[in-house]
Amino acid sequence: MGGDHAPRCVLKGANIARRRWPEVCFLLVGDKAKLKPILKRMPRLRKVCDYIHTDAAIAADEKPAVALRSGRESSMRLAIDAVRDGKAEGVVSAGNTGALMAMSKFSLKTILGIDRPAMASFFPTLRGESVMLDLGANIQCSSTNLVQFAVMGEVFARSVLGSLKPSVGLLNVGSEDLKGNDTVRDAASVLKEFGPDFNFHGFIEGTDIAEGTVDVVVADGFSGNISIKTAEGTAKLYTRFLRDAFRSSLLAGVGYLLARRALKKLRTRVDPRRYNGAMFLGLRGISVKAHGGSDALAFATAIGVAVDMAKNGFVDQIKAELERYQDPGQRAVRAAS
């Protein structure tokens, strides 16, 4: 029931996802009176759906603390609780981000060894796709948090993006070892102790993000959120510039007609709907946040992220990796502090 175009676009997105992943079933949490009329036009989707009815929903502008206290019977909370209780493999919502984060952390709890969950997403680069975390869930982070983010991001890149040995970089103001504050330098010293099995690249700068220098970009939520929003704004700026240029004259319009096929490929390559779905990594269950303005295709992409994480046993992989790196990581953190 969350998002600017819910529930119609949510159901249309589920219908697209049904065709892509025919083995997946859906548990629809929301107002049956609003869902059933839409599903009448989607008979094949209806066959693979079950319901949890509630007419309560979290408002887009509701504060997370308020939602956590008063939203126990909301569609968002009941959907998250369904994951906790084993009735679903994951939850996907286009609703209030803060509320989804707070409720997911409260209901699903964090994995042992993870202090804070991180928000992660993937995006296009010159070399393919990369994952970046944290994107705003944790404004202030310790070196321990950054190390945990690095491990979770590495597991995500392997299980969802298919990278065999993903490289991990710490976002910094320079690539030299002496650059940055104590937090990133201490985190780097810990990651270096993980050994050759963990492909730690070192420090990267903002320009390295789009270049695809590493497969996993690790940052605190403050820097990560600013970076991703700046990239989104720059993409919109150049799209507007390009559109205005082709409209500037008759000859430019002819040029557009000649380049239309190539421009269509470009538009597909950078289509934000293909990269929809931010994950809350570090929880004991799968929780995926779709953009509030998601259309059907974007929501289907977010569902696909949850499906991939479930199929690849993402939560269990993180647990295994944390146990693998726990001892050297703890020694290094104590030495740095």
Protein backbone atom coordinates (compact mmCIF):
# COMPACT_ATOMS: atom_id res chain seq x y z
CA MET A 1 0.00 0.00 0.00
CA GLY A 2 3.06 2.28 -0.04
CA GLY A 3 4.37 4.52 -2.80
CA ASP A 4 3.04 7.29 -5.01
CA HIS A 5 1.11 4.94 -7.30
CA ALA A 6 0.04 2.17 -4.93
CA PRO A 7 -1.48 -0.30 -5.05
CA ARG A 8 -1.93 -0.44 -8.84
CA CYS A 9 1.75 -0.11 -9.77
CA VAL A 10 2.74 -2.53 -7.02
CA LEU A 11 0.43 -5.19 -8.46
CA LYS A 12 1.50 -4.45 -12.03
CA GLY A 13 5.09 -4.79 -10.90
CA ALA A 14 4.31 -8.14 -9.27
CA ASN A 15 2.72 -9.26 -12.53
CA ILE A 16 5.90 -8.42 -14.45
CA ALA A 17 7.96 -10.22 -11.80
CA ARG A 18 5.66 -13.25 -12.09
CA ARG A 19 6.58 -13.61 -15.75
CA ARG A 20 10.29 -13.23 -15.03
CA TRP A 21 10.31 -15.58 -12.03
CA PRO A 22 7.36 -17.97 -12.50
CA GLU A 23 8.33 -20.01 -9.43
CA VAL A 24 7.71 -17.05 -7.07
CA CYS A 25 4.49 -16.61 -5.09
CA PHE A 26 3.31 -13.36 -3.54
CA LEU A 27 1.84 -12.47 -0.17
CA LEU A 28 -0.09 -9.24 -0.62
CA VAL A 29 -0.44 -7.24 2.58
CA GLY A 30 -3.02 -4.50 2.42
CA ASP A 31 -6.66 -3.60 1.90
CA LYS A 32 -8.41 -6.45 0.05
CA ALA A 33 -11.18 -4.10 -1.06
CA LYS A 34 -8.61 -2.11 -3.04
CA LEU A 35 -6.50 -5.05 -4.21
CA LYS A 36 -9.11 -7.47 -5.54
CA PRO A 37 -10.65 -5.20 -8.23
CA ILE A 38 -7.19 -4.65 -9.73
CA LEU A 39 -6.30 -8.34 -9.55
CA LYS A 40 -9.44 -9.27 -11.49
CA ARG A 41 -7.63 -7.98 -14.55
CA MET A 42 -4.56 -10.09 -13.73
CA PRO A 43 -5.90 -13.66 -13.41
CA ARG A 44 -2.49 -15.34 -13.65
CA LEU A 45 -1.06 -13.19 -10.89
CA ARG A 46 -4.12 -13.83 -8.74
CA LYS A 47 -3.44 -17.58 -8.87
CA VAL A 48 -0.05 -17.15 -7.18
CA CYS A 49 -1.15 -14.64 -4.53
CA ASP A 50 -2.29 -14.89 -0.96
CA TYR A 51 -3.48 -12.07 1.31
CA ILE A 52 -3.04 -10.55 4.73
CA HIS A 53 -5.79 -8.00 5.09
CA THR A 54 -5.41 -4.66 6.83
CA ASP A 55 -6.80 -1.24 6.01
CA ALA A 56 -4.08 0.52 8.04
CA ALA A 57 -1.07 1.98 6.21
CA ILE A 58 1.94 4.15 7.09
CA ALA A 59 1.75 7.67 5.69
CA ALA A 60 4.61 8.90 3.52
CA ASP A 61 5.41 11.74 5.94
CA GLU A 62 4.98 9.78 9.17
CA LYS A 63 7.98 9.92 11.49
CA PRO A 64 9.74 6.55 11.98
CA ALA A 65 9.39 6.64 15.77
CA VAL A 66 5.66 7.29 15.50
CA ALA A 67 5.25 4.58 12.88
CA LEU A 68 7.09 2.11 15.09
CA ARG A 69 4.84 2.81 18.07
CA SER A 70 1.46 3.11 16.38
CA GLY A 71 1.84 1.10 13.16
CA ARG A 72 1.73 -2.45 14.49
CA GLU A 73 -1.30 -3.30 12.35
CA SER A 74 -0.12 -1.40 9.28
CA SER A 75 0.49 -3.17 5.99
CA MET A 76 4.21 -2.41 6.24
CA ARG A 77 4.62 -3.86 9.73
CA LEU A 78 2.55 -6.96 8.97
CA ALA A 79 4.59 -7.60 5.83
CA ILE A 80 7.85 -7.35 7.78
CA ASP A 81 6.48 -9.58 10.52
CA ALA A 82 5.58 -12.16 7.85
CA VAL A 83 9.29 -12.38 6.99
CA ARG A 84 10.19 -12.67 10.67
CA ASP A 85 7.67 -15.48 11.13
CA GLY A 86 8.82 -17.42 8.06
CA LYS A 87 5.69 -16.78 6.02
CA ALA A 88 7.69 -14.91 3.37
CA GLU A 89 11.30 -14.90 2.16
CA GLY A 90 11.50 -11.12 1.93
CA VAL A 91 9.54 -7.89 2.00
CA VAL A 92 9.47 -5.27 -0.78
CA SER A 93 7.90 -1.87 -0.13
CA ALA A 94 7.77 1.52 -1.84
CA GLY A 95 6.53 3.14 1.35
CA ASN A 96 8.09 5.45 3.94
CA THR A 97 11.86 4.75 3.97
CA GLY A 98 12.48 5.71 7.59
CA ALA A 99 9.55 3.67 8.81
CA LEU A 100 10.61 0.64 6.79
CA MET A 101 14.13 0.88 8.18
CA ALA A 102 12.97 1.28 11.79
CA MET A 103 10.37 -1.49 11.59
CA SER A 104 12.70 -3.88 9.78
CA LYS A 105 15.42 -3.40 12.37
CA PHE A 106 12.96 -3.79 15.26
CA SER A 107 11.16 -6.85 13.91
CA LEU A 108 13.86 -8.73 12.00
CA LYS A 109 16.79 -7.76 14.27
CA THR A 110 20.38 -7.48 13.11
CA ILE A 111 22.67 -10.41 12.39
CA LEU A 112 25.01 -11.31 15.24
CA GLY A 113 28.19 -9.33 14.63
CA ILE A 114 26.45 -6.45 12.83
CA ASP A 115 25.98 -3.28 14.87
CA ARG A 116 23.91 -1.36 12.31
CA PRO A 117 22.17 -2.34 9.07
CA ALA A 118 23.25 -0.42 5.98
CA MET A 119 21.25 0.75 2.99
CA ALA A 120 22.79 -0.44 -0.27
CA SER A 121 21.97 -0.15 -3.95
CA PHE A 122 23.62 -0.84 -7.28
CA PHE A 123 24.21 1.53 -10.18
CA PRO A 124 25.78 1.62 -13.66
CA THR A 125 29.47 2.33 -14.20
CA LEU A 126 31.82 2.40 -17.17
CA ARG A 127 32.75 -1.22 -16.40
CA GLY A 128 29.33 -2.63 -15.61
CA GLU A 129 27.61 -2.35 -12.24
CA SER A 130 28.77 -1.61 -8.72
CA VAL A 131 27.15 -1.65 -5.29
CA MET A 132 27.40 1.24 -2.84
CA LEU A 133 26.66 1.39 0.88
CA ASP A 134 25.69 3.08 3.14
CA LEU A 135 23.26 5.41 1.35
CA GLY A 136 21.87 7.26 4.34
CA ALA A 137 20.82 4.85 7.07
CA ASN A 138 23.82 5.73 9.26
CA ILE A 139 24.98 9.34 9.12
CA GLN A 140 27.84 8.80 11.57
CA CYS A 141 29.85 5.59 11.45
CA SER A 142 32.72 4.04 13.36
CA SER A 143 35.55 2.13 11.71
CA THR A 144 33.87 -1.07 12.87
CA ASN A 145 30.68 -0.10 11.04
CA LEU A 146 32.63 0.54 7.82
CA VAL A 147 34.35 -2.84 8.09
CA GLN A 148 31.00 -4.55 8.52
CA PHE A 149 29.60 -2.64 5.54
CA ALA A 150 32.57 -3.80 3.46
CA VAL A 151 31.92 -7.46 4.29
CA MET A 152 28.19 -7.17 3.56
CA GLY A 153 28.82 -5.31 0.30
CA GLU A 154 31.32 -7.93 -0.83
CA VAL A 155 28.82 -10.72 -0.16
CA PHE A 156 26.09 -8.79 -2.00
CA ALA A 157 28.31 -8.25 -5.06
CA ARG A 158 29.02 -11.97 -5.21
CA SER A 159 25.48 -13.23 -4.61
CA VAL A 160 23.43 -10.67 -6.55
CA LEU A 161 25.78 -9.06 -9.10
CA GLY A 162 27.61 -12.32 -9.79
CA SER A 163 31.14 -10.99 -9.20
CA LEU A 164 33.54 -13.86 -8.54
CA LYS A 165 35.98 -11.89 -6.40
CA PRO A 166 34.60 -8.36 -6.03
CA SER A 167 36.97 -5.53 -5.23
CA VAL A 168 36.11 -3.29 -2.28
CA GLY A 169 37.06 0.37 -1.90
CA LEU A 170 36.65 2.90 0.91
CA LEU A 171 35.38 6.29 -0.26
CA ASN A 172 37.83 8.97 0.83
CA VAL A 173 39.09 12.45 -0.09
CA GLY A 174 42.13 10.88 -1.76
CA SER A 175 43.59 7.53 -2.67
CA GLU A 176 46.79 7.95 -0.63
CA ASP A 177 47.10 6.02 2.64
CA LEU A 178 47.59 9.20 4.70
CA LYS A 179 44.42 10.90 3.40
CA GLY A 180 41.13 11.05 5.30
CA ASN A 181 40.11 10.96 8.93
CA ASP A 182 40.95 8.41 11.61
CA THR A 183 37.74 6.45 11.00
CA VAL A 184 38.45 5.54 7.37
CA ARG A 185 42.14 4.95 8.03
CA ASP A 186 41.38 2.59 10.93
CA ALA A 187 38.81 0.75 8.79
CA ALA A 188 41.38 0.39 6.01
CA SER A 189 43.94 -1.10 8.40
CA VAL A 190 41.38 -3.72 9.48
CA LEU A 191 40.40 -4.65 5.93
CA LYS A 192 44.05 -5.05 4.94
CA GLU A 193 44.39 -7.77 7.60
CA PHE A 194 41.68 -9.88 5.97
CA GLY A 195 44.27 -11.28 3.59
CA PRO A 196 44.25 -12.08 -0.14
CA ASP A 197 40.85 -13.81 -0.11
CA PHE A 198 39.23 -10.43 0.54
CA ASN A 199 39.94 -8.17 -2.44
CA PHE A 200 40.43 -4.83 -0.67
CA HIS A 201 41.44 -2.18 -3.21
CA GLY A 202 42.10 0.60 -0.71
CA PHE A 203 40.88 4.19 -0.80
CA ILE A 204 38.93 5.56 -3.76
CA GLU A 205 37.75 9.04 -4.68
CA GLY A 206 34.40 10.30 -5.96
CA THR A 207 35.50 10.03 -9.60
CA ASP A 208 36.16 6.31 -9.12
CA ILE A 209 32.49 5.60 -8.44
CA ALA A 210 31.28 6.14 -12.02
CA GLU A 211 34.49 4.74 -13.50
CA GLY A 212 33.81 1.41 -11.81
CA THR A 213 37.25 1.26 -10.22
CA VAL A 214 35.83 -1.13 -7.60
CA ASP A 215 32.81 -3.41 -7.40
CA VAL A 216 31.86 -2.27 -3.89
CA VAL A 217 31.98 1.34 -2.68
CA VAL A 218 31.92 1.67 1.12
CA ALA A 219 31.06 4.98 2.79
CA ASP A 220 29.30 6.39 5.82
CA GLY A 221 25.66 7.29 5.24
CA PHE A 222 26.36 11.02 5.05
CA SER A 223 28.93 10.76 2.24
CA GLY A 224 27.13 7.94 0.47
CA ASN A 225 23.79 9.73 0.35
CA ILE A 226 25.31 12.94 -0.98
CA SER A 227 27.29 11.01 -3.60
CA ILE A 228 24.34 9.07 -4.96
CA LYS A 229 22.02 12.11 -4.98
CA THR A 230 24.69 14.16 -6.77
CA ALA A 231 25.01 11.44 -9.40
CA GLU A 232 21.24 11.33 -9.89
CA GLY A 233 21.06 15.10 -10.22
CA THR A 234 23.94 15.20 -12.71
CA ALA A 235 22.27 12.52 -14.84
CA LYS A 236 19.05 14.55 -14.95
CA LEU A 237 21.02 17.68 -15.83
CA TYR A 238 22.72 16.10 -18.82
CA THR A 239 19.47 14.50 -19.95
CA ARG A 240 17.87 17.94 -19.97
CA PHE A 241 20.86 19.46 -21.79
CA LEU A 242 20.70 16.74 -24.43
CA ARG A 243 16.97 17.15 -24.96
CA ASP A 244 17.28 20.94 -25.27
CA ALA A 245 20.14 20.57 -27.74
CA PHE A 246 18.13 18.34 -30.07
CA ARG A 247 15.24 20.79 -29.92
CA SER A 248 17.39 23.83 -30.65
CA SER A 249 17.06 23.74 -34.46
CA LEU A 250 15.64 21.84 -37.40
CA LEU A 251 19.07 20.42 -38.23
CA ALA A 252 19.47 19.24 -34.63
CA GLY A 253 16.10 17.54 -34.91
CA VAL A 254 17.26 15.68 -38.01
CA GLY A 255 20.34 14.65 -36.06
CA TYR A 256 18.09 13.22 -33.37
CA LEU A 257 16.23 11.11 -35.93
CA LEU A 258 19.53 9.71 -37.20
CA ALA A 259 20.79 9.00 -33.69
CA ARG A 260 17.49 7.77 -32.27
CA ARG A 261 18.47 4.10 -32.12
CA ALA A 262 21.73 4.84 -30.32
CA LEU A 263 19.95 7.20 -27.92
CA LYS A 264 17.43 4.48 -27.13
CA LYS A 265 20.29 2.15 -26.15
CA LEU A 266 21.74 4.91 -23.97
CA ARG A 267 18.38 5.54 -22.32
CA THR A 268 18.00 1.84 -21.56
CA ARG A 269 21.52 1.62 -20.15
CA VAL A 270 21.00 4.44 -17.65
CA ASP A 271 17.30 3.87 -16.97
CA PRO A 272 16.98 4.26 -13.17
CA ARG A 273 14.15 1.73 -13.14
CA ARG A 274 16.71 -0.98 -13.93
CA TYR A 275 18.57 -0.17 -10.71
CA ASN A 276 15.61 0.21 -8.38
CA GLY A 277 15.64 -1.50 -5.00
CA ALA A 278 17.74 -0.42 -2.02
CA MET A 279 18.55 -3.22 0.40
CA PHE A 280 18.82 -3.03 4.18
CA LEU A 281 21.85 -5.26 4.65
CA GLY A 282 22.72 -6.76 8.03
CA LEU A 283 19.24 -7.86 9.06
CA ARG A 284 18.14 -11.41 9.80
CA GLY A 285 15.65 -11.18 6.96
CA ILE A 286 15.41 -9.61 3.52
CA SER A 287 13.97 -6.09 3.33
CA VAL A 288 14.06 -4.13 0.06
CA LYS A 289 13.03 -0.51 -0.41
CA ALA A 290 11.62 0.47 -3.81
CA HIS A 291 11.59 4.15 -4.76
CA GLY A 292 8.40 5.93 -3.73
CA GLY A 293 7.79 7.02 -7.33
CA SER A 294 8.31 3.52 -8.75
CA ASP A 295 6.30 2.51 -11.78
CA ALA A 296 5.50 -1.15 -12.52
CA LEU A 297 8.86 -1.92 -14.16
CA ALA A 298 10.82 -0.29 -11.32
CA PHE A 299 8.88 -2.21 -8.69
CA ALA A 300 9.42 -5.46 -10.58
CA THR A 301 13.17 -4.75 -10.49
CA ALA A 302 13.01 -4.30 -6.70
CA ILE A 303 11.18 -7.61 -6.39
CA GLY A 304 13.94 -9.19 -8.47
CA VAL A 305 16.56 -7.97 -6.01
CA ALA A 306 14.69 -9.67 -3.16
CA VAL A 307 14.31 -12.86 -5.21
CA ASP A 308 18.04 -12.99 -5.99
CA MET A 309 18.94 -12.43 -2.34
CA ALA A 310 16.59 -15.20 -1.22
CA LYS A 311 17.74 -17.67 -3.88
CA ASN A 312 21.39 -17.13 -3.04
CA GLY A 313 20.91 -17.45 0.73
CA PHE A 314 22.22 -13.92 1.25
CA VAL A 315 21.63 -13.74 5.00
CA ASP A 316 23.39 -17.05 5.63
CA GLN A 317 26.30 -15.95 3.44
CA ILE A 318 26.78 -12.79 5.52
CA LYS A 319 26.74 -14.86 8.72
CA ALA A 320 29.40 -17.18 7.33
CA GLU A 321 31.62 -14.30 6.15
CA LEU A 322 31.36 -12.52 9.49
CA GLU A 323 32.47 -15.66 11.32
CA ARG A 324 35.32 -16.02 8.86
CA TYR A 325 36.67 -12.51 9.43
CA GLN A 326 35.57 -11.98 13.02
CA ASP A 327 38.78 -12.81 14.85
CA PRO A 328 41.31 -10.86 12.73
CA GLY A 329 38.85 -8.01 12.41
CA GLN A 330 38.34 -7.73 16.14
CA ARG A 331 42.09 -7.83 16.77
CA ALA A 332 42.69 -5.06 14.27
CA VAL A 333 39.88 -2.89 15.64
CA ARG A 334 41.25 -3.22 19.15
CA ALA A 335 44.75 -2.39 17.92
CA ALA A 336 43.48 0.69 16.05
CA SER A 337 41.56 1.95 19.07
